Protein backbone atom coordinates (compact mmCIF):
# COMPACT_ATOMS: atom_id res chain seq x y z
CA MET A 1 89.23 97.31 96.61
CA THR A 2 85.18 96.91 96.46
CA ASP A 3 83.46 93.65 95.04
CA PHE A 4 80.04 94.57 93.29
CA GLY A 5 79.36 90.94 92.87
CA MET A 6 80.32 87.12 95.07
CA PRO A 7 83.81 85.79 93.86
CA VAL A 8 82.62 82.01 93.36
CA TRP A 9 85.08 80.07 95.85
CA VAL A 10 81.69 81.60 98.12
CA LYS A 11 79.02 81.31 95.55
CA ASN A 12 80.33 77.45 96.01
CA LEU A 13 79.89 77.79 98.87
CA LEU A 14 76.67 78.98 99.47
CA LYS A 15 75.76 76.20 97.32
CA LYS A 16 75.86 73.84 100.16
CA PRO A 17 72.96 72.79 102.49
CA LEU A 18 73.27 74.25 106.01
CA ASN A 19 71.26 71.01 107.53
CA ILE A 20 73.66 68.04 107.73
CA ALA A 21 70.84 65.97 107.31
CA ASP A 22 71.18 66.98 103.34
CA TYR A 23 74.57 65.60 102.93
CA SER A 24 75.48 62.27 101.54
CA SER A 25 77.45 59.88 103.92
CA GLU A 26 80.56 60.36 101.33
CA GLU A 27 80.46 64.63 101.93
CA ILE A 28 80.12 63.89 105.60
CA GLN A 29 83.45 61.64 105.43
CA ASP A 30 84.63 64.41 103.23
CA LEU A 31 84.42 67.53 105.36
CA LYS A 32 85.09 65.09 108.45
CA GLN A 33 88.81 64.33 106.99
CA LYS A 34 89.67 67.76 105.85
CA LEU A 35 88.90 68.92 109.49
CA LEU A 36 91.27 66.32 110.86
CA ARG A 37 93.95 68.94 110.09
CA PHE A 38 92.94 71.16 112.42
CA ARG A 39 93.57 68.24 115.21
CA VAL A 40 97.81 69.04 116.22
CA ASP A 41 98.98 68.78 119.02
CA ASN A 42 101.28 71.76 118.99
CA PRO A 43 99.57 74.78 117.24
CA LEU A 44 101.36 78.31 116.39
CA VAL A 45 98.10 79.10 115.52
CA SER A 46 94.77 79.23 116.86
CA MET A 47 90.84 79.94 115.61
CA VAL A 48 88.46 80.36 118.27
CA ILE A 49 84.39 80.69 116.84
CA PRO A 50 81.92 81.69 119.43
CA ALA A 51 78.78 79.57 118.55
CA TRP A 52 74.92 79.88 119.44
CA ASN A 53 71.93 77.95 118.12
CA GLU A 54 74.21 77.72 115.02
CA GLU A 55 72.72 74.52 113.83
CA PHE A 56 71.62 75.16 110.80
CA GLY A 57 73.87 78.40 109.84
CA ILE A 58 78.30 77.00 111.12
CA LEU A 59 78.24 74.28 108.50
CA HIS A 60 79.53 76.80 105.80
CA THR A 61 81.89 79.09 107.49
CA LEU A 62 83.10 74.97 108.66
CA TRP A 63 83.33 74.26 104.89
CA SER A 64 85.01 77.14 104.18
CA LEU A 65 87.68 77.20 106.91
CA ALA A 66 88.31 73.02 106.00
CA ASN A 67 89.36 74.06 102.18
CA SER A 68 92.15 76.16 104.67
CA ASP A 69 95.36 76.42 102.25
CA LEU A 70 97.31 76.03 105.60
CA LYS A 71 101.13 76.61 105.87
CA TYR A 72 101.35 76.81 109.62
CA PRO A 73 99.96 74.39 112.33
CA THR A 74 96.10 75.44 112.92
CA GLU A 75 93.96 73.98 115.61
CA LEU A 76 90.23 74.81 115.69
CA ILE A 77 88.19 75.43 119.05
CA ILE A 78 84.48 75.99 119.19
CA VAL A 79 83.24 77.65 121.77
CA ASP A 80 79.48 76.62 122.29
CA ASN A 81 77.52 79.17 124.53
CA ASN A 82 74.29 77.84 125.77
CA SER A 83 73.05 75.99 122.65
CA THR A 84 69.91 75.12 122.55
CA ASP A 85 69.75 73.54 119.35
CA GLY A 86 71.49 70.92 117.74
CA THR A 87 74.37 72.75 117.68
CA SER A 88 76.98 70.99 119.67
CA ASN A 89 75.69 67.21 118.79
CA LEU A 90 77.08 68.83 115.08
CA LEU A 91 80.15 69.61 116.10
CA HIS A 92 80.83 65.92 118.08
CA ASP A 93 79.70 64.23 115.33
CA LEU A 94 81.96 66.43 113.01
CA GLY A 95 85.41 65.12 115.68
CA ILE A 96 86.12 69.39 116.08
CA LYS A 97 87.42 70.51 119.56
CA THR A 98 84.27 72.39 121.37
CA VAL A 99 84.08 74.10 125.02
CA SER A 100 81.63 74.50 126.39
CA GLU A 101 80.99 78.48 128.17
CA THR A 102 77.81 79.35 130.57
CA ARG A 103 77.86 82.78 130.42
CA GLN A 104 76.74 84.07 128.16
CA GLY A 105 78.02 86.70 125.71
CA VAL A 106 80.57 86.47 123.22
CA GLY A 107 83.39 87.88 124.88
CA HIS A 108 82.60 85.71 127.86
CA ALA A 109 82.84 82.71 124.95
CA ARG A 110 86.33 84.65 123.83
CA THR A 111 87.41 84.38 126.94
CA THR A 112 87.20 80.60 127.44
CA GLY A 113 88.71 79.90 124.18
CA LEU A 114 91.79 82.35 124.64
CA ALA A 115 92.77 80.41 128.08
CA ILE A 116 92.35 76.91 126.32
CA ALA A 117 94.58 77.75 123.20
CA GLN A 118 97.50 77.04 123.03
CA GLY A 119 98.62 78.87 119.26
CA LYS A 120 100.88 81.59 120.05
CA TYR A 121 98.68 83.04 118.27
CA VAL A 122 94.80 83.30 118.21
CA LEU A 123 92.98 84.11 114.63
CA THR A 124 89.32 84.95 116.12
CA GLY A 125 85.81 84.31 114.05
CA ASP A 126 81.76 84.05 113.77
CA SER A 127 80.23 81.14 112.33
CA ASP A 128 78.32 83.27 109.72
CA THR A 129 81.61 84.21 108.07
CA LEU A 130 82.98 82.02 105.36
CA TYR A 131 87.35 82.70 104.99
CA PRO A 132 89.03 82.54 102.13
CA PRO A 133 92.17 80.07 101.57
CA GLN A 134 94.67 82.24 102.12
CA TRP A 135 92.88 83.38 105.44
CA ILE A 136 95.00 81.95 108.06
CA ASN A 137 98.55 82.38 106.66
CA LEU A 138 98.34 85.73 105.17
CA MET A 139 96.97 86.71 108.78
CA ILE A 140 99.92 85.04 110.43
CA ASP A 141 102.31 86.80 108.18
CA ALA A 142 100.79 90.29 108.83
CA PHE A 143 102.89 89.30 112.32
CA GLN A 144 106.22 88.90 111.13
CA SER A 145 105.95 92.67 108.83
CA SER A 146 106.61 95.52 110.61
CA ASP A 147 109.33 97.62 110.94
CA ASP A 148 108.85 99.64 113.88
CA LYS A 149 107.22 97.97 116.58
CA PRO A 150 106.05 95.15 117.43
CA VAL A 151 102.69 93.95 115.85
CA TYR A 152 100.05 92.21 118.31
CA CYS A 153 96.94 92.54 116.64
CA VAL A 154 95.89 91.77 112.88
CA HIS A 155 92.84 92.45 111.30
CA SER A 156 92.02 91.64 107.66
CA THR A 157 88.59 93.39 105.16
CA TYR A 158 84.86 92.17 104.47
CA SER A 159 82.33 92.39 102.42
CA PHE A 160 78.20 91.40 103.48
CA ILE A 161 76.59 88.05 102.26
CA PRO A 162 73.33 89.87 100.95
CA GLU A 163 70.16 88.07 101.58
CA LYS A 164 68.95 88.70 98.43
CA PRO A 165 71.93 88.06 96.12
CA SER A 166 70.43 91.03 93.64
CA GLN A 167 71.37 93.17 96.58
CA ARG A 168 74.79 92.30 96.11
CA TRP A 169 75.83 95.72 93.89
CA MET A 170 73.94 98.32 97.22
CA TYR A 171 76.18 95.96 99.13
CA GLY A 172 79.51 97.76 97.46
CA ILE A 173 78.43 100.90 97.01
CA TYR A 174 78.27 100.45 101.24
CA GLU A 175 80.97 99.09 101.42
CA LEU A 176 83.03 101.47 99.14
CA LEU A 177 81.77 104.45 100.95
CA SER A 178 82.37 102.72 104.71
CA SER A 179 85.78 101.95 103.20
CA PHE A 180 86.61 106.21 103.47
CA ILE A 181 85.75 106.21 106.99
CA SER A 182 87.75 102.43 107.79
CA LYS A 183 90.70 104.47 105.66
CA ARG A 184 90.72 108.02 108.82
CA LYS A 185 90.21 105.61 111.78
CA GLU A 186 93.03 103.68 110.32
CA LYS A 187 95.87 106.02 110.88
CA ASN A 188 94.50 107.58 114.24
CA GLU A 189 92.48 105.07 115.87
CA PRO A 190 92.65 101.48 114.13
CA TYR A 191 91.13 100.13 116.74
CA LEU A 192 87.89 101.02 115.84
CA ASN A 193 88.66 98.61 112.48
CA VAL A 194 89.16 95.63 114.49
CA TYR A 195 85.90 92.81 114.55
CA GLY A 196 85.34 89.77 115.91
CA PHE A 197 84.53 87.94 113.18
CA TYR A 198 87.92 89.16 110.70
CA MET A 199 90.63 89.86 113.89
CA GLY A 200 93.55 87.85 115.47
CA PHE A 201 96.05 88.89 118.22
CA GLU A 202 99.30 87.01 119.92
CA ALA A 203 97.68 84.76 122.64
CA GLN A 204 99.93 85.81 125.54
CA LYS A 205 99.64 89.30 125.04
CA GLY A 206 96.11 89.20 124.33
CA ARG A 207 95.29 87.37 127.94
CA GLU A 208 97.87 89.66 129.26
CA VAL A 209 96.33 92.79 129.33
CA ASN A 210 92.78 90.95 129.62
CA GLY A 211 91.65 92.75 126.26
CA TYR A 212 87.34 90.68 126.85
CA ASP A 213 87.04 92.11 130.42
CA ILE A 214 84.39 94.81 129.63
CA GLU A 215 81.38 96.05 131.50
CA VAL A 216 78.46 95.36 129.16
CA GLN A 217 79.53 92.11 127.24
CA ARG A 218 77.50 91.66 123.80
CA THR A 219 74.92 89.04 123.00
CA PHE A 220 74.57 86.74 119.68
CA ARG A 221 71.48 88.65 118.36
CA GLY A 222 71.72 92.11 120.04
CA THR A 223 69.43 95.27 119.23
CA VAL A 224 69.83 98.25 116.51
CA GLY A 225 72.80 100.04 117.70
CA GLN A 226 73.67 98.06 119.94
CA LEU A 227 77.38 98.37 119.28
CA GLU A 228 77.55 102.01 118.64
CA THR A 229 76.31 103.19 122.79
CA ASN A 230 78.68 100.01 124.47
CA ALA A 231 82.92 98.77 124.33
CA THR A 232 82.98 95.82 122.27
CA GLU A 233 85.14 92.96 123.40
CA ASP A 234 86.54 93.11 119.70
CA GLY A 235 87.63 96.38 120.32
CA MET A 236 88.08 96.66 123.52
CA MET A 237 91.13 94.20 122.96
CA ALA A 238 92.85 95.62 120.04
CA LEU A 239 92.66 98.70 122.03
CA ARG A 240 94.67 97.55 125.17
CA LEU A 241 96.97 95.45 122.47
CA MET A 242 97.50 99.40 120.35
CA GLN A 243 97.90 100.53 124.42
CA ALA A 244 100.36 98.47 125.54
CA GLY A 245 102.50 98.78 122.99
CA GLY A 246 101.70 97.03 120.49
CA LYS A 247 100.65 97.57 116.41
CA ILE A 248 97.54 96.94 114.75
CA LYS A 249 98.22 95.87 110.93
CA ALA A 250 95.68 95.49 108.67
CA VAL A 251 96.07 93.18 106.08
CA HIS A 252 94.54 94.87 102.61
CA ASP A 253 95.49 91.70 100.25
CA SER A 254 92.34 90.91 98.45
CA LYS A 255 92.69 87.28 99.52
CA ALA A 256 92.22 87.88 103.18
CA LYS A 257 88.91 89.37 102.76
CA VAL A 258 86.06 87.62 104.93
CA TRP A 259 82.55 87.22 104.00
CA THR A 260 79.60 87.90 105.95
CA SER A 261 75.70 87.83 106.92
CA ASP A 262 74.55 91.06 106.48
CA ARG A 263 73.04 90.42 109.78
CA ARG A 264 74.58 93.48 110.97
CA ILE A 265 72.97 94.90 108.53
CA GLN A 266 69.76 94.27 109.02
CA LEU A 267 69.85 94.92 112.60
CA ASP A 268 70.37 98.27 111.74
CA GLY A 269 67.55 98.36 109.72
CA GLY A 270 68.79 98.24 106.63
CA ILE A 271 71.69 99.32 104.36
CA VAL A 272 70.84 103.39 104.77
CA ASN A 273 70.08 103.31 108.09
CA ALA A 274 72.89 100.96 108.53
CA PHE A 275 75.18 103.90 106.78
CA LYS A 276 73.50 106.85 108.52
CA ILE A 277 74.71 104.86 111.75
CA ARG A 278 77.77 104.71 110.45
CA PHE A 279 78.66 108.34 109.26
CA LYS A 280 76.78 109.82 113.05
CA LYS A 281 79.43 108.33 114.97
CA TYR A 282 82.19 108.75 112.11
CA LEU A 283 81.27 112.95 113.24
CA SER A 284 80.17 112.42 116.30
CA ARG A 285 84.23 111.90 116.62
CA LYS A 286 85.82 114.23 114.69
């Protein structure tokens, strides 16, 4: 289902400040209390998010996770990848389990998170993405719903949060057109639809296939077209899990759709150019 506007829960989260200094002590305590649910001893699920200089970006993501309707014991792990701003202090003050990774690169950060994850399942996210209340539940449910081969990897769907709210209808058109390409990929090359900000996999299988080990590590602030020429750590993880005999399952439930920053679109030069890049890549693989 294509959204030409943003749901209420997204709009409400976007109204919240991104600077912790703009919150009252009561609001901060409320967030900390909700995040305590992710401090569990025997988690079934590990939610792993890399962060690099997200002092004024990650709070919306944390609020979205804090509002999760959890039915599975879940731990939250943030991997600080050499942040030079106040990201580390912010996470510490909120009581979030944080680990440092000094090797720069998203793949390195995700590898570190996977190494310490205690859950049977790992869900990966990004610090510029909003997660709906049922996202964790629906993603884990998907691992149990297979009638042929075992599910090793799952992913949901996503929509973009435009920098200018008035442009949301344009993003809706972009996502509608892109969905036709995604459906074709889902049949033969499902790993191409898997991105790290909305995927999950069996932790042990991920370790066995060493899926994040790629030749060129992606950085947090890429360049235009970079993701079109180099393999990414998330897609490679999905591919190796499929090659290991597992199934990649897409979760199309609208309650599992995540909302992410349009920074990926901007890196490609805007909506029109982003679609041209995607369509050209699709044609080159046919």
